[in-house]
Amino acid sequence: MPAHRANVFWRVGKLLILLLALGILLALGTWQVQRLHWKEGLLADIAERQGAAPVPPSTIEAMAASGGDIEYRVVTASGHYLNNKERHFFATFDGNPGFHVYTPLQLADGRYLFVNRGFVPYDAKEPEMRMQGQLTGEQTVTGLARAKLAGQPSGIPDNDLAKNIFYWKDLDAMAASDELPTDKVLPFFVDADKAPNPAGLPIGGVTIVELPNDHLQYALTWYGLAAALVAIVFVFWWRKRHPDATQQ
């Protein structure tokens, strides 16, 4: 192959590589911008749900049955807590270890709704350590709907049913360990709001809605790298075209 033709191929190859790299960087930046718009829409939707008027459990149940997104929708329900059947989910609150107390609420129609009543410290796991918070009689709770998990999350240990310690929220296992008929357990949870409980326990309002939104930062990073690549190529080209200027 003649030298001049090889030189042309080499230049074209370098140009194609540079254009490919630039295209990848711009595509990644654009993708992050699209993710930013999606995340902002999701956060706005969650905020709108949390500010909406409460709905009864039947509305959430129908929405879940139709495949709708029930997460963080405000629910209000009335019934009697089955305090002797509470389940304990290992959690932290303000950096302290403890448990979220999930208690079945028996509704007027005989069905059961598992309510996350809130956080108790590790040494208050057993109900006798917080008897004032064991509410009796008809109670009304308002909180946020949380969807039933499809399966055990990756990297999470198995639940310890013998010790009543749950590391992931397995609604079916909670119901079965309480010997509740599965066909009468509503297929979602409710996280109770911050309404105070007697003696302060459980501490309600423990739902954490934290969706990282760093997409703008990522987009600027990718676009910045694309700009830097263009600048480097331009400087290299300019110095090659003006060798005398670089020696002054």
Protein backbone atom coordinates (compact mmCIF):
# COMPACT_ATOMS: atom_id res chain seq x y z
CA MET A 1 0.00 0.00 0.00
CA PRO A 2 1.45 3.42 -0.93
CA ALA A 3 2.54 5.56 1.99
CA HIS A 4 0.15 8.40 1.17
CA ARG A 5 -2.84 6.00 1.09
CA ALA A 6 -1.85 4.47 4.43
CA ASN A 7 -1.57 7.97 5.84
CA VAL A 8 -5.09 8.78 4.63
CA PHE A 9 -6.48 5.62 6.22
CA TRP A 10 -4.73 6.46 9.49
CA ARG A 11 -6.19 9.98 9.53
CA VAL A 12 -9.67 8.74 8.70
CA GLY A 13 -9.38 6.08 11.39
CA LYS A 14 -8.36 8.63 14.01
CA LEU A 15 -11.22 10.90 12.97
CA LEU A 16 -13.74 8.07 13.24
CA ILE A 17 -12.44 7.11 16.69
CA LEU A 18 -12.69 10.73 17.87
CA LEU A 19 -16.21 11.09 16.47
CA LEU A 20 -17.24 7.81 18.11
CA ALA A 21 -15.84 8.90 21.47
CA LEU A 22 -17.53 12.29 21.17
CA GLY A 23 -20.82 10.65 20.21
CA ILE A 24 -20.67 8.31 23.20
CA LEU A 25 -19.98 11.17 25.63
CA LEU A 26 -22.81 13.28 24.19
CA ALA A 27 -25.19 10.31 24.25
CA LEU A 28 -24.38 9.62 27.90
CA GLY A 29 -24.96 13.26 28.79
CA THR A 30 -28.29 13.31 26.95
CA TRP A 31 -29.34 10.08 28.65
CA GLN A 32 -28.65 11.66 32.05
CA VAL A 33 -30.75 14.69 31.07
CA GLN A 34 -33.61 12.34 30.19
CA ARG A 35 -33.14 10.56 33.52
CA LEU A 36 -33.21 13.95 35.26
CA HIS A 37 -36.60 14.80 33.74
CA TRP A 38 -37.91 11.34 34.66
CA LYS A 39 -36.67 11.64 38.27
CA GLU A 40 -38.12 15.13 38.69
CA GLY A 41 -41.47 13.88 37.41
CA LEU A 42 -41.37 10.92 39.79
CA LEU A 43 -40.56 13.14 42.79
CA ALA A 44 -43.36 15.53 41.84
CA ASP A 45 -45.77 12.59 41.54
CA ILE A 46 -44.79 11.25 44.97
CA ALA A 47 -45.21 14.70 46.52
CA GLU A 48 -48.66 14.97 44.92
CA ARG A 49 -49.66 11.56 46.27
CA GLN A 50 -48.53 12.43 49.79
CA GLY A 51 -50.53 15.64 49.69
CA ALA A 52 -53.73 14.03 48.43
CA ALA A 53 -56.77 13.24 50.57
CA PRO A 54 -56.71 9.81 52.28
CA VAL A 55 -58.50 6.93 50.59
CA PRO A 56 -59.86 3.69 52.12
CA PRO A 57 -57.96 0.39 51.85
CA SER A 58 -60.44 -0.86 49.23
CA THR A 59 -59.30 1.85 46.81
CA ILE A 60 -55.65 0.83 47.20
CA GLU A 61 -56.58 -2.83 46.88
CA ALA A 62 -58.43 -2.22 43.60
CA MET A 63 -55.54 -0.14 42.28
CA ALA A 64 -53.01 -2.87 43.15
CA ALA A 65 -55.20 -5.54 41.55
CA SER A 66 -55.26 -3.58 38.29
CA GLY A 67 -51.48 -3.19 38.28
CA GLY A 68 -51.48 0.42 39.41
CA ASP A 69 -48.70 2.05 41.40
CA ILE A 70 -49.85 2.32 45.02
CA GLU A 71 -46.57 3.47 46.60
CA TYR A 72 -46.87 6.44 48.99
CA ARG A 73 -50.59 6.97 48.49
CA VAL A 74 -52.34 8.18 51.63
CA VAL A 75 -54.62 5.60 53.26
CA THR A 76 -56.90 5.74 56.28
CA ALA A 77 -58.32 2.63 57.93
CA SER A 78 -60.19 1.73 61.09
CA GLY A 79 -60.22 -1.51 63.04
CA HIS A 80 -58.76 -3.35 66.00
CA TYR A 81 -55.05 -4.04 66.40
CA LEU A 82 -54.07 -7.64 67.05
CA ASN A 83 -51.25 -6.69 69.40
CA ASN A 84 -50.36 -10.28 70.20
CA LYS A 85 -49.51 -10.86 66.54
CA GLU A 86 -47.13 -7.99 65.86
CA ARG A 87 -44.11 -8.73 63.66
CA HIS A 88 -40.72 -7.03 64.04
CA PHE A 89 -38.69 -5.69 61.12
CA PHE A 90 -35.06 -4.87 61.88
CA ALA A 91 -34.38 -1.18 61.20
CA THR A 92 -32.59 1.92 62.43
CA PHE A 93 -33.90 5.33 63.45
CA ASP A 94 -31.67 8.37 63.96
CA GLY A 95 -28.71 6.00 63.86
CA ASN A 96 -30.06 3.72 66.60
CA PRO A 97 -30.86 0.03 66.01
CA GLY A 98 -34.30 -1.30 66.69
CA PHE A 99 -37.42 -2.52 64.95
CA HIS A 100 -40.41 -1.37 62.99
CA VAL A 101 -43.51 -2.87 64.57
CA TYR A 102 -45.90 -4.40 62.03
CA THR A 103 -49.26 -5.10 63.61
CA PRO A 104 -52.31 -6.61 61.85
CA LEU A 105 -55.30 -4.28 61.94
CA GLN A 106 -58.54 -6.27 61.76
CA LEU A 107 -61.03 -4.34 59.67
CA ALA A 108 -64.80 -4.33 60.04
CA ASP A 109 -65.17 -6.78 57.15
CA GLY A 110 -62.94 -9.32 58.90
CA ARG A 111 -59.90 -8.79 56.74
CA TYR A 112 -56.44 -7.80 57.96
CA LEU A 113 -54.14 -4.92 57.08
CA PHE A 114 -50.54 -4.99 58.27
CA VAL A 115 -49.66 -1.57 59.67
CA ASN A 116 -46.12 -0.42 60.28
CA ARG A 117 -46.88 1.44 63.49
CA GLY A 118 -43.34 2.80 63.72
CA PHE A 119 -39.98 2.36 65.37
CA VAL A 120 -39.10 0.97 68.80
CA PRO A 121 -35.54 0.75 70.24
CA TYR A 122 -33.81 -2.62 70.37
CA ASP A 123 -34.45 -3.06 74.09
CA ALA A 124 -38.16 -2.31 73.61
CA LYS A 125 -38.75 -5.08 71.09
CA GLU A 126 -41.02 -7.09 73.36
CA PRO A 127 -44.53 -5.67 73.85
CA GLU A 128 -44.37 -5.86 77.65
CA MET A 129 -41.67 -3.17 77.54
CA ARG A 130 -44.13 -0.69 76.02
CA MET A 131 -47.57 -1.70 77.20
CA GLN A 132 -48.94 1.85 77.01
CA GLY A 133 -48.46 1.76 73.26
CA GLN A 134 -50.49 -1.42 72.84
CA LEU A 135 -53.69 0.24 71.68
CA THR A 136 -57.00 -1.51 72.33
CA GLY A 137 -60.50 -0.87 71.08
CA GLU A 138 -61.30 0.55 67.67
CA GLN A 139 -58.47 2.61 66.23
CA THR A 140 -58.09 4.74 63.13
CA VAL A 141 -54.74 4.96 61.40
CA THR A 142 -53.62 7.17 58.52
CA GLY A 143 -50.44 6.51 56.63
CA LEU A 144 -48.77 5.68 53.33
CA ALA A 145 -49.45 2.58 51.27
CA ARG A 146 -46.42 0.41 50.58
CA ALA A 147 -46.46 -2.32 47.96
CA LYS A 148 -45.89 -5.96 48.75
CA LEU A 149 -42.43 -7.13 47.72
CA ALA A 150 -42.28 -9.66 44.90
CA GLY A 151 -39.42 -11.56 46.51
CA GLN A 152 -36.39 -11.43 48.76
CA PRO A 153 -34.05 -8.60 47.76
CA SER A 154 -30.54 -9.59 46.75
CA GLY A 155 -28.00 -9.56 49.57
CA ILE A 156 -30.61 -9.46 52.34
CA PRO A 157 -30.46 -12.29 54.92
CA ASP A 158 -33.33 -14.69 55.49
CA ASN A 159 -35.97 -13.74 58.00
CA ASP A 160 -35.69 -15.36 61.43
CA LEU A 161 -39.26 -16.44 62.10
CA ALA A 162 -38.36 -18.23 65.32
CA LYS A 163 -37.10 -14.98 66.86
CA ASN A 164 -39.72 -12.84 65.10
CA ILE A 165 -37.07 -10.79 63.32
CA PHE A 166 -37.67 -9.83 59.70
CA TYR A 167 -34.87 -8.51 57.53
CA TRP A 168 -37.12 -8.02 54.53
CA LYS A 169 -40.84 -7.33 54.46
CA ASP A 170 -42.28 -10.69 53.48
CA LEU A 171 -46.01 -10.11 53.83
CA ASP A 172 -46.90 -13.75 53.20
CA ALA A 173 -44.47 -14.94 55.89
CA MET A 174 -45.79 -12.36 58.35
CA ALA A 175 -49.34 -13.53 57.78
CA ALA A 176 -48.43 -17.22 57.90
CA SER A 177 -46.41 -16.85 61.12
CA ASP A 178 -49.43 -15.10 62.64
CA GLU A 179 -51.66 -17.93 61.42
CA LEU A 180 -53.85 -15.48 59.52
CA PRO A 181 -55.79 -16.74 56.48
CA THR A 182 -53.86 -15.47 53.46
CA ASP A 183 -57.04 -14.78 51.48
CA LYS A 184 -58.10 -12.28 54.16
CA VAL A 185 -54.83 -10.33 54.31
CA LEU A 186 -54.74 -7.21 52.14
CA PRO A 187 -51.80 -7.36 49.68
CA PHE A 188 -50.01 -4.23 50.85
CA PHE A 189 -48.71 -2.50 53.99
CA VAL A 190 -49.48 0.88 55.51
CA ASP A 191 -46.78 2.97 57.17
CA ALA A 192 -48.47 4.93 59.97
CA ASP A 193 -48.00 8.70 60.06
CA LYS A 194 -46.47 10.73 62.89
CA ALA A 195 -49.58 10.71 65.08
CA PRO A 196 -48.16 10.23 68.63
CA ASN A 197 -48.60 6.94 70.45
CA PRO A 198 -48.93 6.62 74.25
CA ALA A 199 -45.54 6.84 75.99
CA GLY A 200 -44.05 7.78 72.63
CA LEU A 201 -43.74 4.23 71.28
CA PRO A 202 -43.84 3.14 68.55
CA ILE A 203 -42.49 6.29 66.86
CA GLY A 204 -44.60 6.77 63.75
CA GLY A 205 -43.82 8.52 60.50
CA VAL A 206 -40.71 6.48 59.75
CA THR A 207 -41.22 6.27 56.00
CA ILE A 208 -38.12 7.48 54.19
CA VAL A 209 -38.65 8.82 50.69
CA GLU A 210 -35.13 9.37 49.42
CA LEU A 211 -34.60 9.11 45.69
CA PRO A 212 -31.09 10.30 44.77
CA ASN A 213 -31.22 12.88 42.01
CA ASP A 214 -27.63 13.38 40.81
CA HIS A 215 -28.48 13.20 37.12
CA LEU A 216 -27.74 16.88 36.44
CA GLN A 217 -24.27 16.45 37.91
CA TYR A 218 -23.70 13.35 35.80
CA ALA A 219 -24.96 15.11 32.66
CA LEU A 220 -22.61 18.05 33.21
CA THR A 221 -19.75 15.60 33.74
CA TRP A 222 -20.34 13.80 30.44
CA TYR A 223 -20.90 17.03 28.51
CA GLY A 224 -17.80 18.48 30.16
CA LEU A 225 -15.73 15.52 29.03
CA ALA A 226 -17.10 15.96 25.50
CA ALA A 227 -16.13 19.65 25.56
CA ALA A 228 -12.68 18.77 26.90
CA LEU A 229 -12.18 16.25 24.10
CA VAL A 230 -13.10 18.86 21.49
CA ALA A 231 -10.75 21.38 23.12
CA ILE A 232 -7.85 18.94 23.19
CA VAL A 233 -8.35 18.01 19.54
CA PHE A 234 -8.55 21.67 18.56
CA VAL A 235 -5.37 22.58 20.44
CA PHE A 236 -3.54 19.62 18.90
CA TRP A 237 -4.73 20.60 15.41
CA TRP A 238 -3.87 24.29 15.91
CA ARG A 239 -0.34 23.52 17.14
CA LYS A 240 0.21 21.21 14.21
CA ARG A 241 -0.92 23.90 11.78
CA HIS A 242 1.08 26.63 13.54
CA PRO A 243 4.30 25.01 14.79
CA ASP A 244 6.16 28.32 14.86
CA ALA A 245 3.65 29.88 17.27
CA THR A 246 4.22 27.15 19.86
CA GLN A 247 7.94 27.83 19.91
CA GLN A 248 7.69 31.55 20.70
